[in-house]
């Protein structure tokens, strides 16, 4: 895990983060998973775990929750 990935995970899971900040972090993590897929690398387990946790939070924007769940489903190891 690199520092940038760690920063975006913290921003995504922060309780005081705004919807815009969470959206930016979610977008970055989705792109990160896509790049790993394109390069035929295994996805980051930390990123996928954070996205899964985020998709189950009750106090989160519903659209962002669905997007996070979609990314997890798309890039999880089969």
Protein backbone atom coordinates (compact mmCIF):
# COMPACT_ATOMS: atom_id res chain seq x y z
CA UNK A 1 0.00 0.00 0.00
CA UNK A 2 1.36 3.41 -0.85
CA UNK A 3 0.88 6.67 1.01
CA UNK A 4 -1.52 8.10 -1.56
CA UNK A 5 -3.76 5.04 -1.39
CA UNK A 6 -3.71 5.19 2.41
CA UNK A 7 -4.66 8.89 2.32
CA UNK A 8 -7.65 8.24 0.04
CA UNK A 9 -8.82 5.32 2.18
CA UNK A 10 -8.74 7.50 5.29
CA UNK A 11 -10.59 10.27 3.45
CA UNK A 12 -13.26 7.84 2.24
CA UNK A 13 -13.87 6.38 5.70
CA UNK A 14 -13.60 9.65 7.65
CA UNK A 15 -16.77 10.44 9.56
CA UNK A 16 -16.30 14.20 9.11
CA UNK A 17 -15.62 14.07 5.35
CA UNK A 18 -18.03 15.85 3.04
CA UNK A 19 -19.84 14.05 0.23
CA UNK A 20 -17.57 15.77 -2.30
CA UNK A 21 -14.45 14.55 -0.48
CA UNK A 22 -15.84 11.03 -0.28
CA UNK A 23 -16.75 11.12 -3.95
CA UNK A 24 -13.23 12.24 -4.88
CA UNK A 25 -11.68 9.46 -2.78
CA UNK A 26 -14.08 6.87 -4.18
CA UNK A 27 -13.28 7.94 -7.73
CA UNK A 28 -9.54 7.70 -7.08
CA UNK A 29 -9.85 4.24 -5.53
CA UNK A 30 -12.01 3.02 -8.42
CA UNK A 31 -9.40 4.29 -10.90
CA UNK A 32 -6.68 2.62 -8.82
CA UNK A 33 -8.50 -0.72 -9.02
CA UNK A 34 -9.01 -0.25 -12.76
CA UNK A 35 -5.29 0.43 -13.31
CA UNK A 36 -4.38 -2.70 -11.36
CA UNK A 37 -6.79 -4.70 -13.50
CA UNK A 38 -5.38 -3.29 -16.74
CA UNK A 39 -1.82 -4.08 -15.62
CA UNK A 40 -2.94 -7.60 -14.64
CA UNK A 41 -2.01 -7.03 -11.01
CA UNK A 42 -4.05 -8.26 -8.07
CA UNK A 43 -6.29 -5.57 -6.62
CA UNK A 44 -5.31 -3.89 -3.39
CA UNK A 45 -6.93 -5.78 -0.55
CA UNK A 46 -6.86 -2.65 1.62
CA UNK A 47 -8.67 -0.61 -1.03
CA UNK A 48 -11.29 -3.29 -1.58
CA UNK A 49 -11.82 -3.73 2.16
CA UNK A 50 -12.27 0.03 2.58
CA UNK A 51 -14.73 0.16 -0.29
CA UNK A 52 -16.69 -2.76 1.16
CA UNK A 53 -16.79 -1.11 4.58
CA UNK A 54 -17.88 2.17 3.02
CA UNK A 55 -20.67 0.47 1.05
CA UNK A 56 -22.14 -0.84 4.32
CA UNK A 57 -22.07 2.45 6.28
CA UNK A 58 -25.54 3.64 7.26
CA UNK A 59 -24.82 7.37 7.27
CA UNK A 60 -23.41 7.58 3.76
CA UNK A 61 -24.89 8.93 0.53
CA UNK A 62 -26.83 6.11 -1.17
CA UNK A 63 -25.37 6.78 -4.61
CA UNK A 64 -21.81 6.56 -3.30
CA UNK A 65 -22.64 3.38 -1.40
CA UNK A 66 -23.92 1.73 -4.58
CA UNK A 67 -20.86 2.89 -6.54
CA UNK A 68 -18.51 1.44 -3.89
CA UNK A 69 -20.40 -1.86 -3.88
CA UNK A 70 -20.20 -2.01 -7.67
CA UNK A 71 -16.44 -1.44 -7.64
CA UNK A 72 -15.94 -4.17 -5.02
CA UNK A 73 -18.04 -6.61 -6.99
CA UNK A 74 -16.25 -5.79 -10.24
CA UNK A 75 -12.66 -6.08 -8.98
CA UNK A 76 -12.77 -8.62 -6.15
CA UNK A 77 -10.75 -11.77 -6.63
CA UNK A 78 -12.85 -14.64 -7.78
